[in-house]
Amino acid sequence: MGSSRLPNKVLMKVNGEQTVLEHVIKQLSFCKSIGKIIVATTNLKQDDVIEELVKKLEIDVFRGDSSDVLDRYYQCAKKFSFSEIVRITSDNPLIDYEIADTVVKYFKSNDYDYITTDLPLNTFHRTYPSGYSVEVFTFSALENAWENAKLLSEREHVTPYFYKNKEIFRQTSIENSEDLSSFRCTVDTKYDLELIQKIYLNIK
């Protein structure tokens, strides 16, 4: 709820009925490869409303550190005994469950610690639109990062320690069949939200 550019954005309505966060959860509910959805929010008072909404949707919620998101992810994964974690951010209401399934399937069929659609790894670059990011990593890799990441930038965004240490983690990125990276479908500003709302008006 404390987004600096668009406060309360995850609880803003997309189609007059459901919020940004509800659409993220709804999209992911169609995934065949994701066993359990957890909303990992902060322990700040302002995020009580997120917990209330998520509980109404009968989705599990975990609350942790507001600035050390790496610790929040680690503690959440540890509590639920996850061996593999799929990271989806809550401001991507158009997240594509088929892309998520593709990434998870590739991850499971290969011996990787970390896989992404969104960040430069080796010679790869992002080819999916902004707003369709999927990251998958093992608990052991997460624990390694949690124990060794020291910089603030490595702890407030969860996965930078992975792609900054290619010699430690087996990693790759998935590319789309065509480069659609110029498209922006995430919600960071009021303009972004208005665009998503218009897109939803044209989707049945």
C-alpha atoms as a PDB file:
ATOM      1  CA  MET A   1       0.000   0.000   0.000  1.00  0.00           C
ATOM      2  CA  GLY A   2       2.981   2.311   0.505  1.00  0.00           C
ATOM      3  CA  SER A   3       4.014   2.639  -3.142  1.00  0.00           C
ATOM      4  CA  SER A   4       5.744   6.010  -3.561  1.00  0.00           C
ATOM      5  CA  ARG A   5       4.586   6.583  -7.147  1.00  0.00           C
ATOM      6  CA  LEU A   6       0.998   5.336  -6.783  1.00  0.00           C
ATOM      7  CA  PRO A   7      -0.038   4.771  -3.135  1.00  0.00           C
ATOM      8  CA  ASN A   8      -2.580   1.990  -2.527  1.00  0.00           C
ATOM      9  CA  LYS A   9      -2.201   0.800  -6.141  1.00  0.00           C
ATOM     10  CA  VAL A  10      -2.706  -2.927  -5.498  1.00  0.00           C
ATOM     11  CA  LEU A  11      -6.189  -2.253  -4.092  1.00  0.00           C
ATOM     12  CA  MET A  12      -7.264   0.078  -6.879  1.00  0.00           C
ATOM     13  CA  LYS A  13     -10.087  -1.248  -9.059  1.00  0.00           C
ATOM     14  CA  VAL A  14      -9.246  -2.500 -12.528  1.00  0.00           C
ATOM     15  CA  ASN A  15     -12.684  -3.193 -13.945  1.00  0.00           C
ATOM     16  CA  GLY A  16     -14.948  -1.443 -11.448  1.00  0.00           C
ATOM     17  CA  GLU A  17     -15.212  -4.562  -9.322  1.00  0.00           C
ATOM     18  CA  GLN A  18     -11.918  -6.325  -8.698  1.00  0.00           C
ATOM     19  CA  THR A  19      -8.636  -4.824  -7.545  1.00  0.00           C
ATOM     20  CA  VAL A  20      -5.212  -5.098  -9.152  1.00  0.00           C
ATOM     21  CA  LEU A  21      -4.213  -7.700  -6.551  1.00  0.00           C
ATOM     22  CA  GLU A  22      -7.377  -9.739  -7.097  1.00  0.00           C
ATOM     23  CA  HIS A  23      -6.656  -9.891 -10.823  1.00  0.00           C
ATOM     24  CA  VAL A  24      -3.099 -11.088 -10.174  1.00  0.00           C
ATOM     25  CA  ILE A  25      -4.423 -13.866  -7.926  1.00  0.00           C
ATOM     26  CA  LYS A  26      -7.191 -14.744 -10.394  1.00  0.00           C
ATOM     27  CA  GLN A  27      -4.752 -15.055 -13.286  1.00  0.00           C
ATOM     28  CA  LEU A  28      -2.391 -17.254 -11.253  1.00  0.00           C
ATOM     29  CA  SER A  29      -5.249 -19.499 -10.151  1.00  0.00           C
ATOM     30  CA  PHE A  30      -5.296 -20.862 -13.716  1.00  0.00           C
ATOM     31  CA  CYS A  31      -1.673 -22.061 -13.438  1.00  0.00           C
ATOM     32  CA  LYS A  32      -1.290 -25.823 -13.610  1.00  0.00           C
ATOM     33  CA  SER A  33       2.240 -25.782 -12.237  1.00  0.00           C
ATOM     34  CA  ILE A  34       1.811 -23.604  -9.159  1.00  0.00           C
ATOM     35  CA  GLY A  35       0.652 -25.564  -6.137  1.00  0.00           C
ATOM     36  CA  LYS A  36       0.005 -22.793  -3.617  1.00  0.00           C
ATOM     37  CA  ILE A  37      -0.418 -19.029  -3.840  1.00  0.00           C
ATOM     38  CA  ILE A  38       0.867 -16.920  -0.946  1.00  0.00           C
ATOM     39  CA  VAL A  39       0.564 -13.148  -0.727  1.00  0.00           C
ATOM     40  CA  ALA A  40       3.723 -11.980   1.075  1.00  0.00           C
ATOM     41  CA  THR A  41       3.067  -8.459   2.296  1.00  0.00           C
ATOM     42  CA  THR A  42       4.619  -6.273   4.976  1.00  0.00           C
ATOM     43  CA  ASN A  43       3.989  -6.174   8.699  1.00  0.00           C
ATOM     44  CA  LEU A  44       3.126  -2.468   8.498  1.00  0.00           C
ATOM     45  CA  LYS A  45      -0.267  -1.351   9.798  1.00  0.00           C
ATOM     46  CA  GLN A  46      -1.170   0.124   6.402  1.00  0.00           C
ATOM     47  CA  ASP A  47      -1.075  -3.370   4.886  1.00  0.00           C
ATOM     48  CA  ASP A  48      -3.694  -4.802   7.264  1.00  0.00           C
ATOM     49  CA  VAL A  49      -6.238  -4.189   4.488  1.00  0.00           C
ATOM     50  CA  ILE A  50      -4.282  -6.490   2.173  1.00  0.00           C
ATOM     51  CA  GLU A  51      -4.418  -9.293   4.729  1.00  0.00           C
ATOM     52  CA  GLU A  52      -8.173  -8.752   5.166  1.00  0.00           C
ATOM     53  CA  LEU A  53      -8.793  -8.933   1.411  1.00  0.00           C
ATOM     54  CA  VAL A  54      -6.586 -11.974   0.898  1.00  0.00           C
ATOM     55  CA  LYS A  55      -8.265 -13.891   3.715  1.00  0.00           C
ATOM     56  CA  LYS A  56     -11.674 -13.201   2.144  1.00  0.00           C
ATOM     57  CA  LEU A  57     -10.313 -14.768  -1.047  1.00  0.00           C
ATOM     58  CA  GLU A  58      -9.225 -17.799   1.021  1.00  0.00           C
ATOM     59  CA  ILE A  59      -5.599 -17.280   0.026  1.00  0.00           C
ATOM     60  CA  ASP A  60      -2.777 -17.625   2.551  1.00  0.00           C
ATOM     61  CA  VAL A  61      -0.938 -14.480   3.576  1.00  0.00           C
ATOM     62  CA  PHE A  62       2.507 -13.995   5.085  1.00  0.00           C
ATOM     63  CA  ARG A  63       3.661 -10.756   6.688  1.00  0.00           C
ATOM     64  CA  GLY A  64       7.263  -9.741   7.120  1.00  0.00           C
ATOM     65  CA  ASP A  65       9.864  -7.001   6.914  1.00  0.00           C
ATOM     66  CA  SER A  66       8.830  -3.994   4.819  1.00  0.00           C
ATOM     67  CA  SER A  67      12.291  -3.072   3.520  1.00  0.00           C
ATOM     68  CA  ASP A  68      14.185  -6.383   3.651  1.00  0.00           C
ATOM     69  CA  VAL A  69      12.030  -8.190   1.096  1.00  0.00           C
ATOM     70  CA  LEU A  70      14.666 -10.905   0.716  1.00  0.00           C
ATOM     71  CA  ASP A  71      14.150 -11.778   4.383  1.00  0.00           C
ATOM     72  CA  ARG A  72      10.369 -11.683   3.912  1.00  0.00           C
ATOM     73  CA  TYR A  73      10.609 -14.171   1.059  1.00  0.00           C
ATOM     74  CA  TYR A  74      13.001 -16.413   2.958  1.00  0.00           C
ATOM     75  CA  GLN A  75      10.887 -16.489   6.113  1.00  0.00           C
ATOM     76  CA  CYS A  76       7.739 -17.116   4.068  1.00  0.00           C
ATOM     77  CA  ALA A  77       9.287 -19.979   2.098  1.00  0.00           C
ATOM     78  CA  LYS A  78      10.671 -21.457   5.301  1.00  0.00           C
ATOM     79  CA  LYS A  79       7.309 -21.292   7.072  1.00  0.00           C
ATOM     80  CA  PHE A  80       5.515 -23.082   4.234  1.00  0.00           C
ATOM     81  CA  SER A  81       8.399 -25.518   3.586  1.00  0.00           C
ATOM     82  CA  PHE A  82       8.712 -24.584  -0.089  1.00  0.00           C
ATOM     83  CA  SER A  83      11.530 -26.194  -2.062  1.00  0.00           C
ATOM     84  CA  GLU A  84      10.802 -24.038  -5.124  1.00  0.00           C
ATOM     85  CA  ILE A  85       9.458 -20.498  -5.272  1.00  0.00           C
ATOM     86  CA  VAL A  86       7.719 -18.678  -8.136  1.00  0.00           C
ATOM     87  CA  ARG A  87       7.956 -14.915  -7.721  1.00  0.00           C
ATOM     88  CA  ILE A  88       5.206 -12.739  -9.202  1.00  0.00           C
ATOM     89  CA  THR A  89       4.876  -9.079  -8.228  1.00  0.00           C
ATOM     90  CA  SER A  90       1.471  -7.759  -7.190  1.00  0.00           C
ATOM     91  CA  ASP A  91       1.332  -4.848  -9.641  1.00  0.00           C
ATOM     92  CA  ASN A  92       1.042  -7.006 -12.772  1.00  0.00           C
ATOM     93  CA  PRO A  93      -2.706  -7.657 -13.234  1.00  0.00           C
ATOM     94  CA  LEU A  94      -2.229  -8.971 -16.787  1.00  0.00           C
ATOM     95  CA  ILE A  95       0.237 -11.654 -15.696  1.00  0.00           C
ATOM     96  CA  ASP A  96      -0.119 -14.586 -18.096  1.00  0.00           C
ATOM     97  CA  TYR A  97      -0.573 -17.959 -16.429  1.00  0.00           C
ATOM     98  CA  GLU A  98       0.607 -19.734 -19.576  1.00  0.00           C
ATOM     99  CA  ILE A  99       3.932 -17.890 -19.434  1.00  0.00           C
ATOM    100  CA  ALA A 100       4.242 -18.800 -15.753  1.00  0.00           C
ATOM    101  CA  ASP A 101       3.559 -22.464 -16.538  1.00  0.00           C
ATOM    102  CA  THR A 102       6.116 -22.415 -19.369  1.00  0.00           C
ATOM    103  CA  VAL A 103       8.823 -20.974 -17.114  1.00  0.00           C
ATOM    104  CA  VAL A 104       8.087 -23.394 -14.251  1.00  0.00           C
ATOM    105  CA  LYS A 105       8.027 -26.373 -16.626  1.00  0.00           C
ATOM    106  CA  TYR A 106      11.413 -25.368 -18.072  1.00  0.00           C
ATOM    107  CA  PHE A 107      12.792 -24.870 -14.581  1.00  0.00           C
ATOM    108  CA  LYS A 108      11.644 -28.308 -13.438  1.00  0.00           C
ATOM    109  CA  SER A 109      13.025 -30.082 -16.508  1.00  0.00           C
ATOM    110  CA  ASN A 110      16.466 -28.490 -16.157  1.00  0.00           C
ATOM    111  CA  ASP A 111      18.947 -28.167 -13.334  1.00  0.00           C
ATOM    112  CA  TYR A 112      18.750 -24.456 -12.553  1.00  0.00           C
ATOM    113  CA  ASP A 113      18.896 -22.481  -9.317  1.00  0.00           C
ATOM    114  CA  TYR A 114      17.246 -19.434 -10.848  1.00  0.00           C
ATOM    115  CA  ILE A 115      15.331 -18.667 -14.017  1.00  0.00           C
ATOM    116  CA  THR A 116      13.647 -15.451 -15.187  1.00  0.00           C
ATOM    117  CA  THR A 117      11.860 -13.802 -18.093  1.00  0.00           C
ATOM    118  CA  ASP A 118      12.843 -10.305 -17.200  1.00  0.00           C
ATOM    119  CA  LEU A 119      16.491  -9.575 -16.517  1.00  0.00           C
ATOM    120  CA  PRO A 120      19.769  -9.627 -18.473  1.00  0.00           C
ATOM    121  CA  LEU A 121      21.596 -12.867 -17.838  1.00  0.00           C
ATOM    122  CA  ASN A 122      24.687 -13.614 -19.891  1.00  0.00           C
ATOM    123  CA  THR A 123      23.713 -12.615 -23.450  1.00  0.00           C
ATOM    124  CA  PHE A 124      19.967 -12.671 -22.823  1.00  0.00           C
ATOM    125  CA  HIS A 125      17.699  -9.643 -22.645  1.00  0.00           C
ATOM    126  CA  ARG A 126      14.046  -9.114 -21.821  1.00  0.00           C
ATOM    127  CA  THR A 127      11.683  -9.909 -24.677  1.00  0.00           C
ATOM    128  CA  TYR A 128       8.384 -10.046 -22.789  1.00  0.00           C
ATOM    129  CA  PRO A 129       6.388  -6.871 -22.118  1.00  0.00           C
ATOM    130  CA  SER A 130       6.931  -5.176 -18.783  1.00  0.00           C
ATOM    131  CA  GLY A 131       4.271  -6.626 -16.484  1.00  0.00           C
ATOM    132  CA  TYR A 132       4.721 -10.291 -17.413  1.00  0.00           C
ATOM    133  CA  SER A 133       7.757 -11.047 -15.294  1.00  0.00           C
ATOM    134  CA  VAL A 134       8.122 -14.539 -13.833  1.00  0.00           C
ATOM    135  CA  GLU A 135      11.021 -15.671 -11.654  1.00  0.00           C
ATOM    136  CA  VAL A 136      11.577 -19.167 -10.277  1.00  0.00           C
ATOM    137  CA  PHE A 137      14.275 -20.233  -7.826  1.00  0.00           C
ATOM    138  CA  THR A 138      15.107 -22.975  -5.366  1.00  0.00           C
ATOM    139  CA  PHE A 139      14.860 -22.587  -1.621  1.00  0.00           C
ATOM    140  CA  SER A 140      18.544 -23.448  -1.285  1.00  0.00           C
ATOM    141  CA  ALA A 141      19.433 -20.564  -3.629  1.00  0.00           C
ATOM    142  CA  LEU A 142      17.152 -18.250  -1.662  1.00  0.00           C
ATOM    143  CA  GLU A 143      18.790 -19.326   1.580  1.00  0.00           C
ATOM    144  CA  ASN A 144      22.242 -18.718   0.090  1.00  0.00           C
ATOM    145  CA  ALA A 145      21.201 -15.194  -0.925  1.00  0.00           C
ATOM    146  CA  TRP A 146      19.578 -14.559   2.459  1.00  0.00           C
ATOM    147  CA  GLU A 147      22.770 -15.562   4.258  1.00  0.00           C
ATOM    148  CA  ASN A 148      25.218 -13.699   2.016  1.00  0.00           C
ATOM    149  CA  ALA A 149      23.528 -10.661   0.448  1.00  0.00           C
ATOM    150  CA  LYS A 150      24.770  -7.552   2.246  1.00  0.00           C
ATOM    151  CA  LEU A 151      23.828  -4.577   0.066  1.00  0.00           C
ATOM    152  CA  LEU A 152      20.505  -2.826   0.546  1.00  0.00           C
ATOM    153  CA  SER A 153      19.814  -3.209  -3.182  1.00  0.00           C
ATOM    154  CA  GLU A 154      20.305  -6.977  -2.846  1.00  0.00           C
ATOM    155  CA  ARG A 155      17.802  -7.244  -0.020  1.00  0.00           C
ATOM    156  CA  GLU A 156      14.994  -4.920  -1.052  1.00  0.00           C
ATOM    157  CA  HIS A 157      14.362  -6.571  -4.453  1.00  0.00           C
ATOM    158  CA  VAL A 158      14.842 -10.287  -3.573  1.00  0.00           C
ATOM    159  CA  THR A 159      16.716 -11.601  -6.606  1.00  0.00           C
ATOM    160  CA  PRO A 160      19.619  -9.224  -7.528  1.00  0.00           C
ATOM    161  CA  TYR A 161      22.081 -11.389  -5.591  1.00  0.00           C
ATOM    162  CA  PHE A 162      21.288 -14.251  -7.980  1.00  0.00           C
ATOM    163  CA  TYR A 163      22.048 -12.514 -11.255  1.00  0.00           C
ATOM    164  CA  LYS A 164      25.018 -10.625  -9.807  1.00  0.00           C
ATOM    165  CA  ASN A 165      26.643 -13.950  -8.918  1.00  0.00           C
ATOM    166  CA  LYS A 166      26.458 -16.050 -12.064  1.00  0.00           C
ATOM    167  CA  GLU A 167      29.402 -18.156 -10.917  1.00  0.00           C
ATOM    168  CA  ILE A 168      27.457 -19.313  -7.851  1.00  0.00           C
ATOM    169  CA  PHE A 169      23.975 -19.937  -9.240  1.00  0.00           C
ATOM    170  CA  ARG A 170      23.012 -21.990 -12.301  1.00  0.00           C
ATOM    171  CA  GLN A 171      20.721 -19.580 -14.117  1.00  0.00           C
ATOM    172  CA  THR A 172      19.150 -18.652 -17.417  1.00  0.00           C
ATOM    173  CA  SER A 173      16.382 -16.521 -18.897  1.00  0.00           C
ATOM    174  CA  ILE A 174      13.440 -17.461 -21.077  1.00  0.00           C
ATOM    175  CA  GLU A 175      12.882 -15.477 -24.251  1.00  0.00           C
ATOM    176  CA  ASN A 176       9.604 -14.801 -26.031  1.00  0.00           C
ATOM    177  CA  SER A 177       9.210 -15.791 -29.692  1.00  0.00           C
ATOM    178  CA  GLU A 178       9.194 -12.090 -30.608  1.00  0.00           C
ATOM    179  CA  ASP A 179      10.552  -9.029 -28.871  1.00  0.00           C
ATOM    180  CA  LEU A 180       7.640  -7.276 -27.141  1.00  0.00           C
ATOM    181  CA  SER A 181       9.757  -5.492 -24.545  1.00  0.00           C
ATOM    182  CA  SER A 182       8.607  -2.064 -25.764  1.00  0.00           C
ATOM    183  CA  PHE A 183       5.117  -2.696 -24.360  1.00  0.00           C
ATOM    184  CA  ARG A 184       4.355  -1.700 -20.787  1.00  0.00           C
ATOM    185  CA  CYS A 185       1.563  -3.490 -18.879  1.00  0.00           C
ATOM    186  CA  THR A 186       2.498  -3.007 -15.239  1.00  0.00           C
ATOM    187  CA  VAL A 187       0.978  -0.565 -12.733  1.00  0.00           C
ATOM    188  CA  ASP A 188       3.396   2.038 -11.359  1.00  0.00           C
ATOM    189  CA  THR A 189       1.541   5.260 -12.173  1.00  0.00           C
ATOM    190  CA  LYS A 190      -1.999   6.561 -12.614  1.00  0.00           C
ATOM    191  CA  TYR A 191      -1.442   6.477 -16.378  1.00  0.00           C
ATOM    192  CA  ASP A 192      -0.481   2.783 -16.154  1.00  0.00           C
ATOM    193  CA  LEU A 193      -3.669   2.005 -14.239  1.00  0.00           C
ATOM    194  CA  GLU A 194      -5.840   3.854 -16.762  1.00  0.00           C
ATOM    195  CA  LEU A 195      -4.217   1.879 -19.582  1.00  0.00           C
ATOM    196  CA  ILE A 196      -4.886  -1.447 -17.819  1.00  0.00           C
ATOM    197  CA  GLN A 197      -8.489  -0.392 -17.173  1.00  0.00           C
ATOM    198  CA  LYS A 198      -8.961   0.334 -20.900  1.00  0.00           C
ATOM    199  CA  ILE A 199      -7.440  -3.021 -21.825  1.00  0.00           C
ATOM    200  CA  TYR A 200      -9.808  -4.810 -19.445  1.00  0.00           C
ATOM    201  CA  LEU A 201     -12.792  -3.018 -20.991  1.00  0.00           C
ATOM    202  CA  ASN A 202     -11.934  -4.846 -24.221  1.00  0.00           C
ATOM    203  CA  ILE A 203     -11.445  -8.271 -22.655  1.00  0.00           C
ATOM    204  CA  LYS A 204     -14.338 -10.615 -22.025  1.00  0.00           C
END
